[in-house]
Structures are given as C-alpha cells and as structure tokens.
Amino acid sequence: MMKVVAITGKERAEIREVPRPEAMAGEVLIKIDTCLLCTWEQRMFGGDSSTTLPFVPGHEASGTIEEIPEGTVTSFKVGDKVVFKTLDHCGHCSYCYQGHTNQCTGTAKKRSYGGMAGSGGLAEYITLDVSKIFPVAADLDPVCAAFAEPLACCVHSMGRVELNLGDTVAVIGAGIMGQLHALLARLRGARVIVVEPDKTRRELALSLGAHLGVDPLASDPVEQVLRLTDGEGVEAVFSTVTKSSVAASAVSMLRKMGTLVLYGSFHPNEPIPTDPNAVHYKEYVITGSYSPSTVDFFRATRLLSAKLIDPKPFISEIFPMEKAQEAFTASLRPDTYRVGIRIDSHIRR
C-alpha cells in the first residue's frame, strides 16, 4: 500500500491509502520526493476545473528510481535521481512520430489509484515507461529538480520564436512562468522587458537579470514598450497572463515581423480581436505554446542540473504530505510562486 493526495471536492485535499503500483516490463518504479502545485491543480482544488473527482493530481515532481523489474532494458540504475513526464503520449500517432509528443492525438495509457484517476505526482510511488524518465544531477536539490516540468513548458515556448543575439523581448506577467521566460530569454542573449503591475514581482525579475521593468498601471504599457525600443517595438512578446484583453494589446508591442506567443490557457476563454491587415503588411506571427515535448523536458533537466537556471527564488513554501490541505490553500494566495508538497518526509531543502 501507499499514500496519495486526492482532491475529493471543492477545497478538499485528503490523504488516502491505495495499492502501490507494480512496474511492468519496460517501466520502472519511482519513489517520489517532491511535487509542486501548478495552476492546474489549484483550479482543480478551487472547483474551477471540469476534472472528475476524486483525482490524484501532480505533474511537477522529482524522485528516485526504486525498482527496475526484469524485462526493462535501461541504463538507469536503482537510486538514480530523476524527473518524469506524466503527460502521457501514445508514441505512434503522426505527431509523436515527428517529436511533437505534446500534441499527441493517439490513445495513451492512463493511471488509476484505488479506482481514482490521476496524473500521479502526489503519490508516494509512480510507475512509468523509461521513455518518460529523465536523469538529473545527483547533487540537485529534489525541490529544484521538480521545476523541470514548468521549465520545460517555458523552454517549449521559447522555441516558438527565432531569437537572435541582441533582440529585445517583452514578457507580460512576472508570475513563475513569466520569471522563467525572462531567465531563458536572457540566456539566449536577448534584452528583456518585463511588464508586471506588482512591484515586488517586477523587482524580483530585475534582480534576476531582466533589463527593464514596465508598470502597466502607471501608463499605457504599449507606449512604454515602444518608447524603450525607439518606437520600433520588440522582436517577441511572451504573454503569460490569463486575460485575453492583455494578450490582444500585446500585438501592438511587436515590431515588424515580430512574434507573439500566447503562453498558457485563458480563463475565461474570450476571443481576441485582430487587425488582419496589420498581420498581413507587418508579417506578424501569432502562435501558441502548449506543454513540453520530450526534447524540451531533456533541455530543462540539463539547464537545472548544470545550474544554468536556479529556481530557488520561486520556492514559496514546502509542506509535508500530511499537510496537503494547508499546502493547497497556501498555493491559492496571490503572493506565492510555487508551493510544494514533500512526499518523501526525509527530504529537506
């Protein structure tokens, strides 16, 4: 048996005991160390998700290989520190064959925990195919390792734009995803403008390497960005906020041939007005970014293992598993970045 955290109703997270999964040929058993709480889990906990409850959530997690059964051919060893991709893909649809595993249209394996569906990051153990597991440095803090999934999402987003050294980008929103975008853009040699109304978040971005900060409440943010770029605009805008109205105004920040990346989902999902002639004459590119592919996950693990990205400033609080209810409640506070749950109680930050 093992323990899991299940969301059983609106603002209700419970510890339940379920059978421990058994790894089959081609899989390994992972003992989970730490799981972070993403906005997906927060919406589920807050009652703003269509997911059928009870559900065992969690997908930003790290762990240690506990068991490798006979029939699993792998270079992994018991005791290896790993992260893993819980968003399943079939591996043989036209998108998976091309490496776009985040756009899988096939039928993927689903996990169940004592009759409850779940992604499984908030369980003591998880079994996964070796193709969904990624090594991390042995000395990487397991809490930092758990940032591989959100970082991979941002790596994928950055890949939607062709950035050159010296380009200027605007990152709208300085929540955790905006902060990670700003760090990645800086690593790619871009000048970074962060557009964020919260002074504390704006100042954190600047302290971590962003070059300029814009307060959208002080004056028109589009005018501010244009002024900072001599009227030309930026090569790319990464909009990480959930408001369609903000994303709509972001197009006006672009220079000719610029790219707008709509990162994340919108709540509520409202249409965005566009000027087709502006798109035509200025050759704008408007694109989205959804979840990471396998290569994005791999790159994220290398960035974390090599300490090229340090997520420690975004760790708001880590709770033990028995305080899962408190952890979820804390994660809803607007002053947090990432709240996590330490599944393996002997792990310490």
Protein backbone atom coordinates (compact mmCIF):
# COMPACT_ATOMS: atom_id res chain seq x y z
CA MET A 1 0.00 0.00 0.00
CA MET A 2 0.97 3.65 -0.36
CA LYS A 3 -0.37 7.09 0.39
CA VAL A 4 -1.67 9.57 -2.16
CA VAL A 5 -3.10 13.07 -2.01
CA ALA A 6 -6.51 13.13 -3.65
CA ILE A 7 -8.68 16.13 -4.41
CA THR A 8 -12.10 14.90 -3.38
CA GLY A 9 -14.18 18.06 -3.67
CA LYS A 10 -14.03 21.82 -3.76
CA GLU A 11 -11.17 22.93 -1.46
CA ARG A 12 -10.78 19.40 -0.09
CA ALA A 13 -7.47 17.54 -0.30
CA GLU A 14 -7.31 14.20 1.51
CA ILE A 15 -4.67 11.57 2.21
CA ARG A 16 -5.82 8.15 1.07
CA GLU A 17 -4.23 4.70 1.03
CA VAL A 18 -4.24 2.80 -2.26
CA PRO A 19 -2.38 -0.22 -3.64
CA ARG A 20 1.21 0.54 -4.61
CA PRO A 21 1.68 0.21 -8.39
CA GLU A 22 3.87 -2.55 -9.77
CA ALA A 23 6.25 -1.80 -12.62
CA MET A 24 5.89 -3.99 -15.69
CA ALA A 25 8.46 -4.77 -18.37
CA GLY A 26 9.61 -1.51 -19.96
CA GLU A 27 8.77 0.50 -16.84
CA VAL A 28 10.49 1.49 -13.61
CA LEU A 29 9.11 2.23 -10.17
CA ILE A 30 9.89 5.72 -8.87
CA LYS A 31 9.71 6.85 -5.27
CA ILE A 32 8.52 10.46 -5.44
CA ASP A 33 10.38 13.03 -3.36
CA THR A 34 8.66 16.35 -4.05
CA CYS A 35 5.69 17.60 -6.05
CA LEU A 36 4.90 21.24 -6.81
CA LEU A 37 1.37 22.60 -7.15
CA CYS A 38 0.68 24.12 -10.56
CA THR A 39 -2.26 26.30 -11.55
CA TRP A 40 -3.93 23.17 -12.95
CA GLU A 41 -4.01 21.59 -9.51
CA GLN A 42 -5.03 24.91 -7.99
CA ARG A 43 -8.02 25.22 -10.33
CA MET A 44 -9.00 21.64 -9.54
CA PHE A 45 -8.78 22.31 -5.79
CA GLY A 46 -10.67 25.58 -6.13
CA GLY A 47 -13.54 23.97 -8.02
CA ASP A 48 -12.75 25.68 -11.34
CA SER A 49 -11.90 22.53 -13.30
CA SER A 50 -14.02 20.05 -15.22
CA THR A 51 -11.87 17.14 -13.99
CA THR A 52 -13.92 14.36 -12.45
CA LEU A 53 -13.24 13.98 -8.73
CA PRO A 54 -11.77 12.31 -6.77
CA PHE A 55 -8.49 12.71 -8.63
CA VAL A 56 -4.83 12.18 -7.71
CA PRO A 57 -3.09 15.18 -9.31
CA GLY A 58 0.50 16.32 -9.56
CA HIS A 59 2.84 16.58 -12.53
CA GLU A 60 5.74 18.81 -11.43
CA ALA A 61 7.66 16.21 -9.48
CA SER A 62 11.02 14.60 -8.80
CA GLY A 63 12.05 11.28 -7.35
CA THR A 64 14.42 8.35 -7.14
CA ILE A 65 14.32 5.07 -9.04
CA GLU A 66 13.22 2.46 -6.54
CA GLU A 67 12.91 -0.68 -8.65
CA ILE A 68 13.72 -1.89 -12.16
CA PRO A 69 11.85 -5.11 -12.99
CA GLU A 70 13.08 -7.90 -15.21
CA GLY A 71 12.24 -7.14 -18.80
CA THR A 72 13.05 -3.43 -18.55
CA VAL A 73 16.09 -2.65 -20.67
CA THR A 74 17.61 0.62 -19.49
CA SER A 75 20.83 2.31 -18.44
CA PHE A 76 19.05 3.74 -15.39
CA LYS A 77 20.05 2.26 -12.03
CA VAL A 78 18.22 1.92 -8.73
CA GLY A 79 18.95 5.07 -6.71
CA ASP A 80 19.25 7.40 -9.72
CA LYS A 81 17.72 10.84 -9.23
CA VAL A 82 15.13 11.53 -11.91
CA VAL A 83 12.25 13.68 -13.07
CA PHE A 84 9.45 12.41 -15.25
CA LYS A 85 6.82 13.37 -17.77
CA THR A 86 3.33 12.45 -16.54
CA LEU A 87 1.56 13.84 -19.62
CA ASP A 88 1.26 10.56 -21.50
CA HIS A 89 1.57 10.19 -25.24
CA CYS A 90 0.94 7.18 -27.44
CA GLY A 91 4.28 7.24 -29.28
CA HIS A 92 2.84 6.23 -32.65
CA CYS A 93 0.50 8.95 -33.93
CA SER A 94 1.67 11.33 -36.66
CA TYR A 95 2.60 13.98 -34.08
CA CYS A 96 4.54 11.63 -31.80
CA TYR A 97 6.48 10.27 -34.79
CA GLN A 98 7.61 13.83 -35.56
CA GLY A 99 8.68 14.51 -31.96
CA HIS A 100 5.65 16.68 -31.14
CA THR A 101 4.61 14.48 -28.23
CA ASN A 102 2.80 17.40 -26.58
CA GLN A 103 0.32 17.32 -29.47
CA CYS A 104 -0.38 13.58 -29.30
CA THR A 105 -3.72 12.57 -30.83
CA GLY A 106 -3.47 8.86 -30.05
CA THR A 107 -4.64 6.83 -27.08
CA ALA A 108 -2.20 6.99 -24.19
CA LYS A 109 -2.00 4.83 -21.09
CA LYS A 110 -3.99 6.15 -18.13
CA ARG A 111 -3.15 5.64 -14.48
CA SER A 112 -5.51 4.68 -11.67
CA TYR A 113 -5.06 4.80 -7.92
CA GLY A 114 -7.50 2.67 -5.97
CA GLY A 115 -10.15 3.39 -8.58
CA MET A 116 -9.28 7.10 -8.78
CA ALA A 117 -7.88 8.56 -11.98
CA GLY A 118 -4.79 10.70 -11.66
CA SER A 119 -1.59 12.09 -13.11
CA GLY A 120 0.11 10.74 -10.00
CA GLY A 121 2.71 13.28 -8.91
CA LEU A 122 1.09 13.42 -5.48
CA ALA A 123 1.57 9.71 -4.79
CA GLU A 124 4.38 8.04 -2.90
CA TYR A 125 5.20 5.90 -5.94
CA ILE A 126 4.62 6.01 -9.68
CA THR A 127 5.39 3.56 -12.49
CA LEU A 128 6.38 4.96 -15.86
CA ASP A 129 7.82 3.81 -19.15
CA VAL A 130 11.55 4.55 -19.27
CA SER A 131 10.98 6.87 -22.25
CA LYS A 132 9.22 9.32 -19.93
CA ILE A 133 12.01 9.49 -17.35
CA PHE A 134 14.94 11.91 -17.36
CA PRO A 135 18.11 11.88 -15.25
CA VAL A 136 19.15 14.87 -13.17
CA ALA A 137 22.39 15.61 -11.35
CA ALA A 138 22.81 13.65 -8.12
CA ASP A 139 23.51 16.86 -6.20
CA LEU A 140 20.44 18.71 -7.49
CA ASP A 141 18.01 19.58 -4.70
CA PRO A 142 14.85 17.48 -5.31
CA VAL A 143 12.71 20.58 -4.85
CA CYS A 144 14.67 22.33 -7.62
CA ALA A 145 14.50 19.19 -9.77
CA ALA A 146 10.70 19.31 -9.55
CA PHE A 147 10.84 22.54 -11.58
CA ALA A 148 11.81 20.52 -14.66
CA GLU A 149 8.23 20.31 -15.92
CA PRO A 150 7.33 24.03 -15.67
CA LEU A 151 10.76 24.96 -17.01
CA ALA A 152 10.25 22.53 -19.91
CA CYS A 153 6.97 24.28 -20.71
CA CYS A 154 8.84 27.58 -20.96
CA VAL A 155 11.64 26.02 -23.00
CA HIS A 156 8.97 24.89 -25.47
CA SER A 157 7.52 28.40 -25.54
CA MET A 158 10.93 29.93 -26.24
CA GLY A 159 11.32 27.50 -29.12
CA ARG A 160 8.30 29.02 -30.83
CA VAL A 161 10.39 32.13 -31.60
CA GLU A 162 13.59 32.58 -33.58
CA LEU A 163 15.61 34.86 -31.32
CA ASN A 164 18.95 36.38 -32.25
CA LEU A 165 21.61 37.86 -30.02
CA GLY A 166 20.69 41.42 -29.10
CA ASP A 167 16.97 41.05 -29.82
CA THR A 168 14.52 42.61 -27.40
CA VAL A 169 11.63 40.65 -25.92
CA ALA A 170 8.73 41.66 -23.71
CA VAL A 171 7.47 39.21 -21.10
CA ILE A 172 3.97 40.06 -19.91
CA GLY A 173 3.40 38.83 -16.38
CA ALA A 174 6.04 38.09 -13.75
CA GLY A 175 4.47 35.10 -12.10
CA ILE A 176 6.61 31.99 -12.08
CA MET A 177 6.17 31.28 -15.79
CA GLY A 178 6.93 34.87 -16.72
CA GLN A 179 10.01 34.78 -14.49
CA LEU A 180 11.25 31.59 -16.14
CA HIS A 181 10.65 33.08 -19.59
CA ALA A 182 12.71 36.13 -18.59
CA LEU A 183 15.59 33.94 -17.39
CA LEU A 184 15.56 31.87 -20.57
CA ALA A 185 15.38 34.93 -22.82
CA ARG A 186 18.38 36.39 -21.01
CA LEU A 187 20.30 33.13 -21.53
CA ARG A 188 19.53 33.39 -25.26
CA GLY A 189 21.16 36.80 -25.41
CA ALA A 190 18.04 38.96 -25.54
CA ARG A 191 17.30 42.24 -23.82
CA VAL A 192 14.34 41.56 -21.55
CA ILE A 193 11.47 43.93 -20.72
CA VAL A 194 9.15 42.62 -18.00
CA VAL A 195 5.61 44.03 -17.95
CA GLU A 196 4.13 43.47 -14.48
CA PRO A 197 1.89 45.63 -12.23
CA ASP A 198 3.10 44.09 -8.96
CA LYS A 199 6.19 45.98 -7.78
CA THR A 200 7.61 43.06 -5.78
CA ARG A 201 7.43 40.68 -8.73
CA ARG A 202 8.78 43.28 -11.11
CA GLU A 203 11.74 43.96 -8.82
CA LEU A 204 12.45 40.25 -8.44
CA ALA A 205 12.63 39.89 -12.22
CA LEU A 206 15.05 42.81 -12.41
CA SER A 207 17.21 41.38 -9.61
CA LEU A 208 17.42 38.09 -11.52
CA GLY A 209 18.64 39.68 -14.74
CA ALA A 210 15.75 41.29 -16.60
CA HIS A 211 16.93 44.58 -18.05
CA LEU A 212 13.84 46.77 -17.83
CA GLY A 213 10.57 46.77 -15.94
CA VAL A 214 7.27 48.30 -17.04
CA ASP A 215 4.37 49.01 -14.72
CA PRO A 216 1.24 48.71 -16.90
CA LEU A 217 -0.81 50.61 -14.33
CA ALA A 218 1.44 53.69 -14.48
CA SER A 219 0.70 54.43 -18.15
CA ASP A 220 -0.14 52.61 -21.38
CA PRO A 221 2.23 49.60 -21.44
CA VAL A 222 2.32 49.56 -25.24
CA GLU A 223 3.51 53.17 -25.31
CA GLN A 224 6.11 52.39 -22.65
CA VAL A 225 7.49 49.42 -24.61
CA LEU A 226 7.58 51.42 -27.83
CA ARG A 227 9.38 54.25 -26.07
CA LEU A 228 12.00 51.81 -24.75
CA THR A 229 12.59 50.47 -28.27
CA ASP A 230 12.81 53.80 -30.12
CA GLY A 231 9.32 53.34 -31.49
CA GLU A 232 10.08 50.07 -33.29
CA GLY A 233 8.69 47.52 -30.85
CA VAL A 234 10.13 44.18 -29.77
CA GLU A 235 11.08 41.08 -31.73
CA ALA A 236 8.94 38.88 -29.49
CA VAL A 237 6.25 39.10 -26.83
CA PHE A 238 5.58 36.23 -24.44
CA SER A 239 2.16 36.74 -22.88
CA THR A 240 1.96 34.59 -19.74
CA VAL A 241 -1.23 36.04 -18.25
CA THR A 242 -4.70 34.50 -18.46
CA LYS A 243 -6.59 37.59 -19.65
CA SER A 244 -7.47 37.78 -23.33
CA SER A 245 -7.62 41.60 -23.23
CA VAL A 246 -3.95 41.77 -22.20
CA ALA A 247 -2.92 39.36 -24.93
CA ALA A 248 -4.82 41.42 -27.51
CA SER A 249 -2.87 44.58 -26.69
CA ALA A 250 0.42 42.68 -26.85
CA VAL A 251 0.32 42.60 -30.66
CA SER A 252 0.85 46.36 -30.68
CA MET A 253 4.17 45.90 -28.85
CA LEU A 254 5.65 43.99 -31.78
CA ARG A 255 7.98 45.39 -34.38
CA LYS A 256 7.50 44.35 -37.99
CA MET A 257 7.95 40.59 -38.43
CA GLY A 258 7.67 40.13 -34.67
CA THR A 259 6.20 37.09 -32.92
CA LEU A 260 3.54 36.95 -30.22
CA VAL A 261 3.49 33.75 -28.15
CA LEU A 262 0.28 33.10 -26.24
CA TYR A 263 1.57 31.02 -23.36
CA GLY A 264 -0.89 29.19 -21.15
CA SER A 265 -4.66 28.94 -21.26
CA PHE A 266 -7.18 31.76 -20.89
CA HIS A 267 -9.82 31.97 -18.18
CA PRO A 268 -12.37 33.00 -19.27
CA ASN A 269 -11.71 32.00 -22.86
CA GLU A 270 -12.67 35.13 -24.77
CA PRO A 271 -11.90 35.95 -28.43
CA ILE A 272 -9.07 38.31 -29.23
CA PRO A 273 -9.69 40.94 -31.93
CA THR A 274 -7.00 41.12 -34.60
CA ASP A 275 -6.27 43.51 -37.43
CA PRO A 276 -5.72 41.20 -40.43
CA ASN A 277 -4.11 43.99 -42.45
CA ALA A 278 -1.56 44.59 -39.68
CA VAL A 279 -0.75 40.88 -39.67
CA HIS A 280 -0.54 40.94 -43.48
CA TYR A 281 1.57 44.05 -44.01
CA LYS A 282 3.81 43.74 -40.96
CA GLU A 283 4.16 39.96 -41.25
CA TYR A 284 3.35 39.32 -37.62
CA VAL A 285 3.45 35.77 -36.31
CA ILE A 286 0.85 34.91 -33.66
CA THR A 287 1.33 31.49 -32.14
CA GLY A 288 0.62 29.46 -29.03
CA SER A 289 2.60 27.23 -26.74
CA TYR A 290 1.18 24.13 -25.09
CA SER A 291 3.03 21.78 -22.77
CA PRO A 292 6.53 20.41 -23.37
CA SER A 293 7.70 17.80 -25.84
CA THR A 294 10.29 15.19 -24.90
CA VAL A 295 13.22 17.30 -26.11
CA ASP A 296 12.01 20.30 -24.11
CA PHE A 297 11.98 18.16 -20.98
CA PHE A 298 15.51 16.96 -21.71
CA ARG A 299 16.77 20.52 -22.17
CA ALA A 300 15.12 21.63 -18.94
CA THR A 301 16.87 18.88 -16.97
CA ARG A 302 20.22 19.97 -18.40
CA LEU A 303 19.58 23.60 -17.51
CA LEU A 304 18.73 22.64 -13.92
CA SER A 305 21.48 20.07 -13.48
CA ALA A 306 24.13 22.50 -14.79
CA LYS A 307 22.76 25.25 -12.51
CA LEU A 308 22.17 27.49 -15.53
CA ILE A 309 18.68 28.11 -14.16
CA ASP A 310 18.23 28.41 -10.39
CA PRO A 311 14.58 28.10 -9.34
CA LYS A 312 15.19 28.68 -5.62
CA PRO A 313 13.79 32.26 -5.69
CA PHE A 314 10.44 30.79 -6.78
CA ILE A 315 10.05 28.30 -3.92
CA SER A 316 7.44 29.91 -1.70
CA GLU A 317 6.84 27.11 0.81
CA ILE A 318 7.19 23.33 1.08
CA PHE A 319 4.72 21.34 3.20
CA PRO A 320 4.91 17.73 4.41
CA MET A 321 2.44 15.34 2.82
CA GLU A 322 0.20 15.23 5.89
CA LYS A 323 -0.41 18.97 5.50
CA ALA A 324 -1.60 18.74 1.89
CA GLN A 325 -4.78 20.68 2.66
CA GLU A 326 -2.71 23.58 4.02
CA ALA A 327 -0.39 23.39 1.03
CA PHE A 328 -3.23 23.71 -1.47
CA THR A 329 -4.76 26.59 0.48
CA ALA A 330 -1.41 28.39 0.56
CA SER A 331 -0.91 27.84 -3.18
CA LEU A 332 -4.01 29.93 -3.90
CA ARG A 333 -2.53 33.02 -2.27
CA PRO A 334 -1.55 35.65 -4.86
CA ASP A 335 1.81 36.28 -3.17
CA THR A 336 3.16 32.78 -3.87
CA TYR A 337 5.12 31.41 -6.81
CA ARG A 338 5.38 27.67 -6.23
CA VAL A 339 4.12 25.83 -3.18
CA GLY A 340 5.19 22.21 -2.94
CA ILE A 341 4.49 19.03 -1.04
CA ARG A 342 7.32 16.88 0.24
CA ILE A 343 6.10 13.35 -0.42
CA ASP A 344 9.21 11.71 0.99
CA SER A 345 9.35 13.15 4.51
CA HIS A 346 13.09 12.64 4.95
CA ILE A 347 13.87 15.07 2.13
CA ARG A 348 14.92 18.50 3.33
CA ARG A 349 15.53 21.68 1.38
